[in-house]
N, C-alpha and C. Protein backbone atom coordinates (compact mmCIF):
# COMPACT_ATOMS: atom_id res chain seq x y z
N MET A 1 -17.40 2.12 8.62
CA MET A 1 -16.64 2.49 7.44
C MET A 1 -16.42 4.00 7.36
N LEU A 2 -17.45 4.77 7.73
CA LEU A 2 -17.29 6.23 7.68
C LEU A 2 -16.22 6.72 8.64
N ALA A 3 -16.13 6.10 9.82
CA ALA A 3 -15.09 6.50 10.78
C ALA A 3 -13.71 6.20 10.22
N ASP A 4 -13.55 5.04 9.55
CA ASP A 4 -12.28 4.70 8.92
C ASP A 4 -11.92 5.73 7.86
N LEU A 5 -12.89 6.08 7.05
CA LEU A 5 -12.66 7.03 5.97
C LEU A 5 -12.26 8.40 6.52
N GLU A 6 -12.92 8.85 7.57
CA GLU A 6 -12.57 10.13 8.19
C GLU A 6 -11.16 10.08 8.78
N ALA A 7 -10.81 8.96 9.42
CA ALA A 7 -9.46 8.82 9.98
C ALA A 7 -8.42 8.82 8.88
N LEU A 8 -8.72 8.18 7.77
CA LEU A 8 -7.79 8.15 6.63
C LEU A 8 -7.56 9.56 6.08
N LYS A 9 -8.64 10.29 5.90
CA LYS A 9 -8.53 11.66 5.36
C LYS A 9 -7.81 12.60 6.33
N ALA A 10 -7.93 12.34 7.64
CA ALA A 10 -7.36 13.23 8.64
C ALA A 10 -5.91 12.89 9.01
N ALA A 11 -5.35 11.85 8.43
CA ALA A 11 -3.98 11.44 8.79
C ALA A 11 -2.99 12.60 8.61
N ASP A 12 -2.14 12.79 9.58
CA ASP A 12 -1.14 13.84 9.55
C ASP A 12 0.08 13.33 8.78
N VAL A 13 0.20 13.77 7.53
CA VAL A 13 1.24 13.24 6.64
C VAL A 13 1.92 14.37 5.87
N ALA A 14 3.12 14.06 5.37
CA ALA A 14 3.85 15.01 4.52
C ALA A 14 3.30 14.92 3.10
N PRO A 15 3.14 16.05 2.42
CA PRO A 15 2.61 16.04 1.05
C PRO A 15 3.70 15.71 0.04
N LEU A 16 4.11 14.45 0.00
CA LEU A 16 5.19 14.01 -0.88
C LEU A 16 4.68 12.98 -1.87
N SER A 17 5.32 12.92 -3.02
CA SER A 17 5.11 11.81 -3.96
C SER A 17 6.25 10.82 -3.74
N PRO A 18 6.14 9.60 -4.26
CA PRO A 18 7.26 8.66 -4.14
C PRO A 18 8.56 9.21 -4.72
N ASP A 19 8.50 9.92 -5.84
CA ASP A 19 9.73 10.48 -6.40
C ASP A 19 10.37 11.48 -5.43
N GLU A 20 9.55 12.31 -4.79
CA GLU A 20 10.07 13.30 -3.84
C GLU A 20 10.62 12.62 -2.58
N ALA A 21 10.12 11.43 -2.27
CA ALA A 21 10.55 10.71 -1.08
C ALA A 21 11.91 10.04 -1.23
N MET A 22 12.49 10.07 -2.41
CA MET A 22 13.77 9.42 -2.64
C MET A 22 14.93 10.17 -1.99
N ASP A 23 14.74 11.38 -1.58
CA ASP A 23 15.76 12.16 -0.88
C ASP A 23 15.98 11.54 0.50
N ALA A 24 17.23 11.25 0.87
CA ALA A 24 17.55 10.61 2.15
C ALA A 24 17.02 11.42 3.34
N ASN A 25 16.85 12.72 3.17
CA ASN A 25 16.32 13.55 4.26
C ASN A 25 14.85 13.25 4.55
N ARG A 26 14.21 12.48 3.70
CA ARG A 26 12.77 12.18 3.88
C ARG A 26 12.54 10.94 4.75
N ILE A 27 13.59 10.17 5.04
CA ILE A 27 13.43 8.97 5.87
C ILE A 27 12.84 9.39 7.22
N GLY A 28 11.84 8.64 7.65
CA GLY A 28 11.16 8.93 8.91
C GLY A 28 9.90 9.75 8.74
N GLN A 29 9.69 10.33 7.55
CA GLN A 29 8.48 11.13 7.35
C GLN A 29 7.28 10.22 7.11
N ARG A 30 6.14 10.67 7.58
CA ARG A 30 4.90 9.92 7.44
C ARG A 30 4.21 10.34 6.15
N ILE A 31 3.72 9.35 5.41
CA ILE A 31 3.07 9.61 4.12
C ILE A 31 1.70 8.93 4.06
N ARG A 32 0.90 9.34 3.10
CA ARG A 32 -0.35 8.66 2.74
C ARG A 32 -0.36 8.60 1.22
N TRP A 33 -0.17 7.39 0.69
CA TRP A 33 -0.12 7.21 -0.75
C TRP A 33 -1.15 6.19 -1.19
N ALA A 34 -1.77 6.45 -2.31
CA ALA A 34 -2.78 5.56 -2.88
C ALA A 34 -2.21 4.86 -4.11
N GLY A 35 -2.82 3.75 -4.47
CA GLY A 35 -2.40 3.05 -5.67
C GLY A 35 -3.02 1.66 -5.74
N ALA A 36 -2.42 0.84 -6.59
CA ALA A 36 -2.89 -0.53 -6.79
C ALA A 36 -1.74 -1.50 -6.56
N VAL A 37 -2.05 -2.62 -5.93
CA VAL A 37 -1.04 -3.63 -5.65
C VAL A 37 -0.59 -4.24 -6.98
N TYR A 38 0.71 -4.20 -7.22
CA TYR A 38 1.30 -4.79 -8.41
C TYR A 38 1.83 -6.19 -8.10
N GLY A 39 2.38 -6.35 -6.92
CA GLY A 39 2.93 -7.64 -6.53
C GLY A 39 3.04 -7.75 -5.02
N ILE A 40 3.09 -8.99 -4.53
CA ILE A 40 3.20 -9.28 -3.11
C ILE A 40 4.35 -10.26 -2.93
N SER A 41 5.22 -9.97 -1.95
CA SER A 41 6.35 -10.86 -1.71
C SER A 41 6.59 -10.99 -0.21
N PRO A 42 7.14 -12.15 0.20
CA PRO A 42 7.47 -12.31 1.62
C PRO A 42 8.68 -11.46 1.97
N SER A 43 8.77 -11.08 3.23
CA SER A 43 9.95 -10.38 3.74
C SER A 43 10.37 -11.08 5.02
N GLU A 44 11.50 -10.66 5.58
CA GLU A 44 11.96 -11.28 6.82
C GLU A 44 10.96 -11.08 7.95
N GLN A 45 10.27 -9.95 7.96
CA GLN A 45 9.32 -9.66 9.03
C GLN A 45 7.88 -10.01 8.68
N GLY A 46 7.57 -10.20 7.41
CA GLY A 46 6.18 -10.46 7.04
C GLY A 46 5.96 -10.40 5.55
N THR A 47 5.36 -9.30 5.09
CA THR A 47 4.94 -9.17 3.69
C THR A 47 5.27 -7.78 3.16
N CYS A 48 5.67 -7.73 1.89
CA CYS A 48 5.88 -6.46 1.20
C CYS A 48 4.97 -6.40 -0.02
N LEU A 49 4.38 -5.24 -0.22
CA LEU A 49 3.52 -4.99 -1.38
C LEU A 49 4.23 -4.00 -2.29
N THR A 50 4.35 -4.33 -3.56
CA THR A 50 4.81 -3.36 -4.55
C THR A 50 3.55 -2.68 -5.07
N ILE A 51 3.53 -1.36 -5.00
CA ILE A 51 2.32 -0.61 -5.31
C ILE A 51 2.59 0.41 -6.40
N LEU A 52 1.72 0.40 -7.42
CA LEU A 52 1.75 1.42 -8.46
C LEU A 52 1.06 2.65 -7.89
N TYR A 53 1.78 3.74 -7.82
CA TYR A 53 1.28 4.96 -7.20
C TYR A 53 0.28 5.68 -8.10
N ALA A 54 -0.80 6.18 -7.48
CA ALA A 54 -1.79 7.01 -8.17
C ALA A 54 -2.00 8.27 -7.35
N ARG A 55 -2.28 9.35 -7.99
CA ARG A 55 -2.64 10.56 -7.26
C ARG A 55 -3.90 10.26 -6.45
N SER A 56 -4.09 10.99 -5.36
CA SER A 56 -5.23 10.74 -4.47
C SER A 56 -6.39 11.67 -4.78
N GLY A 57 -7.59 11.12 -4.61
CA GLY A 57 -8.81 11.90 -4.74
C GLY A 57 -9.15 12.56 -3.42
N ASP A 58 -10.33 13.15 -3.34
CA ASP A 58 -10.77 13.89 -2.15
C ASP A 58 -10.83 13.04 -0.89
N ASN A 59 -11.06 11.74 -1.04
CA ASN A 59 -11.15 10.84 0.11
C ASN A 59 -9.87 10.02 0.31
N ALA A 60 -8.78 10.43 -0.33
CA ALA A 60 -7.49 9.73 -0.28
C ALA A 60 -7.51 8.42 -1.07
N GLU A 61 -8.51 8.27 -1.94
CA GLU A 61 -8.61 7.08 -2.77
C GLU A 61 -7.72 7.22 -4.01
N PRO A 62 -7.30 6.08 -4.60
CA PRO A 62 -6.54 6.18 -5.85
C PRO A 62 -7.39 6.85 -6.92
N ARG A 63 -6.81 7.84 -7.59
CA ARG A 63 -7.50 8.53 -8.68
C ARG A 63 -6.74 8.21 -9.96
N TRP A 64 -7.27 7.28 -10.72
CA TRP A 64 -6.61 6.86 -11.96
C TRP A 64 -6.97 7.84 -13.05
N ALA A 65 -5.97 8.42 -13.67
CA ALA A 65 -6.16 9.47 -14.67
C ALA A 65 -5.41 9.08 -15.95
N PRO A 66 -5.73 9.73 -17.05
CA PRO A 66 -5.05 9.41 -18.31
C PRO A 66 -3.55 9.70 -18.29
N ASP A 67 -3.10 10.54 -17.36
CA ASP A 67 -1.68 10.87 -17.29
C ASP A 67 -1.04 10.12 -16.12
N PRO A 68 -0.51 8.90 -16.35
CA PRO A 68 0.05 8.09 -15.27
C PRO A 68 1.25 8.77 -14.61
N THR A 69 1.50 8.38 -13.37
CA THR A 69 2.61 8.96 -12.62
C THR A 69 3.93 8.25 -12.90
N TYR A 70 3.87 7.00 -13.34
CA TYR A 70 5.06 6.16 -13.56
C TYR A 70 5.89 6.06 -12.30
N GLN A 71 5.24 6.06 -11.14
CA GLN A 71 5.93 5.93 -9.87
C GLN A 71 5.42 4.67 -9.16
N ALA A 72 6.28 4.08 -8.35
CA ALA A 72 5.93 2.91 -7.56
C ALA A 72 6.67 3.00 -6.23
N PHE A 73 6.18 2.22 -5.27
CA PHE A 73 6.85 2.13 -3.98
C PHE A 73 6.61 0.75 -3.40
N VAL A 74 7.41 0.39 -2.41
CA VAL A 74 7.26 -0.89 -1.72
C VAL A 74 6.83 -0.58 -0.29
N ALA A 75 5.76 -1.24 0.16
CA ALA A 75 5.23 -1.04 1.51
C ALA A 75 5.24 -2.38 2.23
N CYS A 76 5.88 -2.43 3.40
CA CYS A 76 6.04 -3.68 4.13
C CYS A 76 5.39 -3.62 5.50
N THR A 77 4.97 -4.80 5.98
CA THR A 77 4.36 -4.92 7.28
C THR A 77 4.77 -6.24 7.91
N ALA A 78 4.74 -6.30 9.24
CA ALA A 78 4.88 -7.57 9.93
C ALA A 78 3.56 -8.31 9.73
N GLY A 79 3.62 -9.54 9.35
CA GLY A 79 2.41 -10.29 9.08
C GLY A 79 2.01 -10.17 7.62
N GLY A 80 0.76 -10.45 7.34
CA GLY A 80 0.26 -10.39 5.98
C GLY A 80 -1.23 -10.11 5.98
N TYR A 81 -1.78 -9.96 4.79
CA TYR A 81 -3.20 -9.67 4.64
C TYR A 81 -3.90 -10.84 3.96
N ALA A 82 -5.17 -11.00 4.26
CA ALA A 82 -5.95 -12.10 3.66
C ALA A 82 -5.87 -12.01 2.14
N PRO A 83 -5.46 -13.09 1.48
CA PRO A 83 -5.32 -13.06 0.02
C PRO A 83 -6.61 -12.74 -0.74
N LEU A 84 -7.76 -13.01 -0.15
CA LEU A 84 -9.02 -12.65 -0.80
C LEU A 84 -9.25 -11.14 -0.80
N LEU A 85 -8.57 -10.44 0.14
CA LEU A 85 -8.78 -8.99 0.26
C LEU A 85 -7.65 -8.17 -0.33
N VAL A 86 -6.42 -8.68 -0.28
CA VAL A 86 -5.27 -7.95 -0.82
C VAL A 86 -4.55 -8.87 -1.79
N HIS A 87 -4.63 -8.52 -3.05
CA HIS A 87 -4.01 -9.30 -4.12
C HIS A 87 -3.66 -8.33 -5.24
N GLU A 88 -3.06 -8.85 -6.31
CA GLU A 88 -2.72 -7.96 -7.43
C GLU A 88 -3.96 -7.21 -7.90
N ASN A 89 -3.78 -5.95 -8.19
CA ASN A 89 -4.81 -5.03 -8.68
C ASN A 89 -5.75 -4.50 -7.60
N THR A 90 -5.55 -4.86 -6.34
CA THR A 90 -6.37 -4.30 -5.26
C THR A 90 -5.99 -2.83 -5.08
N ASN A 91 -6.98 -1.97 -5.04
CA ASN A 91 -6.75 -0.55 -4.78
C ASN A 91 -6.62 -0.34 -3.28
N VAL A 92 -5.55 0.35 -2.86
CA VAL A 92 -5.27 0.57 -1.45
C VAL A 92 -4.77 2.00 -1.24
N THR A 93 -4.85 2.45 -0.01
CA THR A 93 -4.16 3.66 0.43
C THR A 93 -3.35 3.26 1.64
N ILE A 94 -2.07 3.62 1.62
CA ILE A 94 -1.15 3.29 2.69
C ILE A 94 -0.84 4.55 3.50
N VAL A 95 -0.93 4.44 4.80
CA VAL A 95 -0.41 5.47 5.70
C VAL A 95 0.79 4.80 6.37
N GLY A 96 1.95 5.40 6.23
CA GLY A 96 3.14 4.76 6.77
C GLY A 96 4.30 5.71 6.87
N THR A 97 5.47 5.13 7.15
CA THR A 97 6.68 5.90 7.37
C THR A 97 7.74 5.50 6.35
N ILE A 98 8.35 6.47 5.72
CA ILE A 98 9.43 6.20 4.76
C ILE A 98 10.61 5.64 5.55
N SER A 99 11.08 4.45 5.14
CA SER A 99 12.16 3.80 5.89
C SER A 99 13.42 3.58 5.06
N GLY A 100 13.39 3.90 3.79
CA GLY A 100 14.58 3.72 2.97
C GLY A 100 14.24 3.64 1.50
N LYS A 101 15.10 2.91 0.76
CA LYS A 101 14.91 2.71 -0.68
C LYS A 101 15.03 1.23 -0.98
N ARG A 102 14.45 0.83 -2.10
CA ARG A 102 14.54 -0.56 -2.53
C ARG A 102 14.44 -0.60 -4.05
N HIS A 103 15.14 -1.56 -4.65
CA HIS A 103 15.01 -1.76 -6.09
C HIS A 103 13.62 -2.32 -6.36
N ILE A 104 12.92 -1.73 -7.30
CA ILE A 104 11.59 -2.20 -7.69
C ILE A 104 11.68 -2.67 -9.13
N GLY A 105 11.58 -3.97 -9.33
CA GLY A 105 11.62 -4.54 -10.67
C GLY A 105 10.22 -4.75 -11.20
N MET A 106 9.94 -4.15 -12.34
CA MET A 106 8.61 -4.27 -12.93
C MET A 106 8.73 -4.30 -14.44
N GLY A 107 8.03 -5.21 -15.07
CA GLY A 107 7.94 -5.23 -16.53
C GLY A 107 9.27 -5.42 -17.23
N GLY A 108 10.17 -6.19 -16.65
CA GLY A 108 11.46 -6.44 -17.29
C GLY A 108 12.50 -5.38 -17.01
N GLY A 109 12.14 -4.35 -16.29
CA GLY A 109 13.09 -3.29 -15.93
C GLY A 109 12.97 -3.02 -14.45
N GLY A 110 13.35 -1.85 -14.07
CA GLY A 110 13.21 -1.49 -12.67
C GLY A 110 14.01 -0.26 -12.33
N SER A 111 13.79 0.21 -11.13
CA SER A 111 14.51 1.38 -10.64
C SER A 111 14.37 1.40 -9.12
N GLU A 112 15.08 2.33 -8.51
CA GLU A 112 14.97 2.51 -7.07
C GLU A 112 13.66 3.22 -6.75
N GLY A 113 13.05 2.81 -5.66
CA GLY A 113 11.84 3.46 -5.19
C GLY A 113 11.83 3.48 -3.68
N PRO A 114 10.95 4.26 -3.09
CA PRO A 114 10.90 4.34 -1.64
C PRO A 114 10.36 3.06 -1.00
N LEU A 115 10.88 2.79 0.18
CA LEU A 115 10.44 1.69 1.02
C LEU A 115 9.67 2.31 2.17
N VAL A 116 8.48 1.79 2.43
CA VAL A 116 7.59 2.35 3.44
C VAL A 116 7.21 1.27 4.45
N GLU A 117 7.26 1.62 5.71
CA GLU A 117 6.75 0.74 6.76
C GLU A 117 5.27 1.08 6.93
N ILE A 118 4.41 0.09 6.71
CA ILE A 118 2.96 0.32 6.78
C ILE A 118 2.52 0.54 8.22
N GLY A 119 1.83 1.65 8.43
CA GLY A 119 1.17 1.91 9.71
C GLY A 119 -0.28 1.47 9.62
N GLN A 120 -0.92 1.81 8.48
CA GLN A 120 -2.30 1.44 8.21
C GLN A 120 -2.46 1.18 6.71
N LEU A 121 -3.28 0.19 6.39
CA LEU A 121 -3.62 -0.10 5.01
C LEU A 121 -5.14 0.01 4.90
N TYR A 122 -5.60 0.87 3.99
CA TYR A 122 -7.02 1.03 3.71
C TYR A 122 -7.31 0.37 2.38
N ARG A 123 -8.23 -0.58 2.38
CA ARG A 123 -8.61 -1.29 1.16
C ARG A 123 -9.87 -0.66 0.59
N TRP A 124 -9.80 -0.38 -0.72
CA TRP A 124 -10.96 0.16 -1.43
C TRP A 124 -11.67 -0.99 -2.12
N SER A 125 -12.98 -0.99 -2.08
CA SER A 125 -13.76 -2.04 -2.71
C SER A 125 -14.26 -1.59 -4.07
N ASP A 126 -14.30 -2.54 -4.99
CA ASP A 126 -14.88 -2.23 -6.30
C ASP A 126 -16.24 -2.89 -6.47
N CYS A 127 -16.83 -3.31 -5.35
CA CYS A 127 -18.14 -3.94 -5.37
C CYS A 127 -19.24 -2.89 -5.45
N ILE A 128 -20.41 -3.35 -5.80
CA ILE A 128 -21.59 -2.49 -5.86
C ILE A 128 -22.00 -2.13 -4.43
N ALA A 129 -22.35 -0.88 -4.20
CA ALA A 129 -22.76 -0.42 -2.87
C ALA A 129 -23.83 -1.34 -2.30
N GLY A 130 -23.66 -1.71 -1.04
CA GLY A 130 -24.63 -2.57 -0.37
C GLY A 130 -24.30 -4.05 -0.44
N ASP A 131 -23.33 -4.45 -1.27
CA ASP A 131 -22.95 -5.85 -1.35
C ASP A 131 -22.24 -6.23 -0.05
N VAL A 132 -22.67 -7.32 0.58
CA VAL A 132 -22.12 -7.72 1.87
C VAL A 132 -21.18 -8.91 1.76
N ASP A 133 -20.84 -9.33 0.56
CA ASP A 133 -19.89 -10.43 0.38
C ASP A 133 -18.59 -10.05 1.08
N PRO A 134 -17.96 -10.98 1.83
CA PRO A 134 -16.72 -10.65 2.55
C PRO A 134 -15.61 -10.07 1.65
N VAL A 135 -15.56 -10.44 0.37
CA VAL A 135 -14.52 -9.91 -0.51
C VAL A 135 -14.81 -8.47 -0.92
N CYS A 136 -15.94 -7.93 -0.49
CA CYS A 136 -16.29 -6.54 -0.80
C CYS A 136 -15.91 -5.59 0.33
N ARG A 137 -15.22 -6.10 1.33
CA ARG A 137 -14.87 -5.27 2.48
C ARG A 137 -14.06 -4.06 2.07
N GLN A 138 -14.44 -2.90 2.60
CA GLN A 138 -13.70 -1.66 2.41
C GLN A 138 -13.38 -1.11 3.78
N GLY A 139 -12.17 -0.62 3.96
CA GLY A 139 -11.77 -0.03 5.23
C GLY A 139 -10.37 -0.47 5.61
N PHE A 140 -9.95 -0.13 6.84
CA PHE A 140 -8.63 -0.51 7.31
C PHE A 140 -8.57 -2.01 7.54
N LEU A 141 -7.45 -2.61 7.16
CA LEU A 141 -7.22 -4.03 7.39
C LEU A 141 -6.08 -4.18 8.39
N THR A 142 -6.19 -5.17 9.24
CA THR A 142 -5.14 -5.47 10.21
C THR A 142 -4.34 -6.67 9.70
N PRO A 143 -3.00 -6.54 9.67
CA PRO A 143 -2.23 -7.69 9.21
C PRO A 143 -2.35 -8.86 10.17
N GLU A 144 -2.32 -10.06 9.61
CA GLU A 144 -2.38 -11.28 10.39
C GLU A 144 -0.99 -11.89 10.45
N PRO A 145 -0.68 -12.64 11.53
CA PRO A 145 0.63 -13.28 11.58
C PRO A 145 0.84 -14.20 10.38
N VAL A 146 2.08 -14.23 9.90
CA VAL A 146 2.43 -15.12 8.81
C VAL A 146 2.99 -16.40 9.41
N ALA A 147 2.43 -17.54 9.00
CA ALA A 147 2.89 -18.81 9.52
C ALA A 147 4.30 -19.08 9.00
N ASP A 148 5.13 -19.67 9.86
CA ASP A 148 6.48 -20.06 9.43
C ASP A 148 6.37 -21.18 8.42
N ALA A 149 7.32 -21.20 7.49
CA ALA A 149 7.36 -22.26 6.49
C ALA A 149 7.65 -23.57 7.21
N PRO A 150 7.03 -24.68 6.75
CA PRO A 150 7.28 -25.97 7.39
C PRO A 150 8.74 -26.37 7.21
N ALA A 151 9.27 -27.03 8.22
CA ALA A 151 10.66 -27.48 8.18
C ALA A 151 10.82 -28.60 7.17
N ALA A 152 11.94 -28.57 6.45
CA ALA A 152 12.21 -29.66 5.49
C ALA A 152 12.52 -30.91 6.28
N GLY A 153 12.08 -32.01 5.78
CA GLY A 153 12.39 -33.22 6.55
C GLY A 153 12.09 -34.39 5.80
């Protein structure tokens, strides 16, 4: 876990917020953004996570503060993550590449936000230190292949 955390902190990324990433000149830049999963949806290649952005703490963890950012982004990957580990309200840090924009609908409204191709997803655990339950896993997660939907018949 310590090696994962050091790798996360050492990631070579641009110091941008999602709002700053909306400039078309930012496509292709590598970012590290923290936040909480708001929603999960299938994509043509795998899975997309809508993430509520939070400023990062010293270890690149989401730092929830009284002054919200009101920013969100969509992060997509080929495959998907185990539902016991990545679900709504899971705290994550994404290292990835800005690949475009997407409409993000939340709470009856919505706006454009950045689209990110996930390079790495770091899951933060809210379990008590030392708990070995599999749902308490903290660290980088590898996406698993998404099974094709069964054919209608």
